[in-house]
Protein backbone atom coordinates (compact mmCIF):
# COMPACT_ATOMS: atom_id res chain seq x y z
CA UNK A 1 122.96 72.31 88.09
CA UNK A 2 123.86 74.93 90.68
CA UNK A 3 122.87 78.49 89.88
CA UNK A 4 124.83 81.49 91.09
CA UNK A 5 122.78 84.43 92.30
CA UNK A 6 124.07 87.98 92.78
CA UNK A 7 122.84 91.14 94.48
CA UNK A 8 121.65 94.12 92.48
CA UNK A 9 124.94 95.91 93.09
CA UNK A 10 126.99 92.88 92.00
CA UNK A 11 124.84 92.32 88.91
CA UNK A 12 125.05 95.97 87.88
CA UNK A 13 128.83 95.84 88.28
CA UNK A 14 129.14 92.64 86.22
CA UNK A 15 127.38 94.28 83.26
CA UNK A 16 128.70 97.81 83.78
CA UNK A 17 125.21 99.25 84.08
CA UNK A 18 123.63 101.35 86.79
CA UNK A 19 121.49 99.83 89.50
CA UNK A 20 118.76 102.16 88.26
CA UNK A 21 118.87 100.59 84.78
CA UNK A 22 118.81 97.11 86.31
CA UNK A 23 115.77 98.06 88.39
CA UNK A 24 113.99 99.43 85.30
CA UNK A 25 114.62 96.13 83.52
CA UNK A 26 113.37 94.19 86.53
CA UNK A 27 110.22 96.29 86.86
CA UNK A 28 109.55 96.28 83.13
CA UNK A 29 109.85 100.05 82.88
CA UNK A 30 112.17 99.75 79.90
CA UNK A 31 110.81 97.34 77.31
CA UNK A 32 113.97 97.49 75.20
CA UNK A 33 115.39 95.05 76.12
CA UNK A 34 112.38 93.09 77.31
CA UNK A 35 111.75 93.11 81.04
CA UNK A 36 113.18 90.49 83.36
CA UNK A 37 110.90 87.78 84.72
CA UNK A 38 110.53 87.19 88.44
CA UNK A 39 111.33 83.60 89.36
CA UNK A 40 113.48 83.23 86.26
CA UNK A 41 115.89 86.15 85.99
CA UNK A 42 115.51 87.26 89.59
CA UNK A 43 114.05 86.19 92.92
CA UNK A 44 112.93 88.10 95.99
CA UNK A 45 114.18 86.83 99.35
CA UNK A 46 111.99 86.80 102.47
CA UNK A 47 113.44 90.11 103.66
CA UNK A 48 112.62 91.77 100.33
CA UNK A 49 116.17 91.68 98.94
CA UNK A 50 116.49 90.77 95.27
CA UNK A 51 118.99 88.30 93.77
CA UNK A 52 119.70 87.84 90.07
CA UNK A 53 120.42 84.56 88.29
CA UNK A 54 123.89 85.32 86.90
CA UNK A 55 123.90 82.79 84.04
CA UNK A 56 120.49 83.89 82.75
CA UNK A 57 121.44 87.53 83.11
CA UNK A 58 124.60 86.88 81.08
CA UNK A 59 122.50 85.29 78.35
CA UNK A 60 119.88 88.05 78.54
CA UNK A 61 122.53 90.74 78.22
CA UNK A 62 124.34 89.07 75.31
CA UNK A 63 121.06 88.41 73.45
CA UNK A 64 119.34 91.78 74.03
CA UNK A 65 118.73 92.11 70.30
CA UNK A 66 117.71 88.46 69.83
CA UNK A 67 114.88 87.60 72.25
CA UNK A 68 114.29 84.24 70.54
CA UNK A 69 117.75 83.04 71.44
CA UNK A 70 117.23 84.11 75.03
CA UNK A 71 113.88 82.28 75.17
CA UNK A 72 115.79 79.06 74.40
CA UNK A 73 118.09 79.74 77.36
CA UNK A 74 115.05 80.22 79.60
CA UNK A 75 113.53 76.95 78.36
CA UNK A 76 116.81 75.12 79.05
CA UNK A 77 117.00 76.65 82.53
CA UNK A 78 113.45 75.62 83.36
CA UNK A 79 114.10 72.06 82.14
CA UNK A 80 117.18 71.88 84.38
CA UNK A 81 115.21 72.59 87.56
CA UNK A 82 114.65 69.60 89.89
CA UNK A 83 110.89 70.12 89.61
CA UNK A 84 111.16 69.36 85.89
CA UNK A 85 113.01 66.10 86.34
């Protein structure tokens, strides 16, 4: 399964939110919705740039009020990784 990753600007545009809001979610400054998890929702590249997992972000955004449903998406994502095979 190939995952698509997007920059902060691209991710903010996809969800029509500000980059500031996205950063608050990433840093856990806004607990509603729950914060995003490094290595799952987003990764940091060697140069310090951040990329967001688009499919997990889509699920996160659509399930903001249902964290249990999003947890299932995270479990499925983790099972799909080559290290879990």
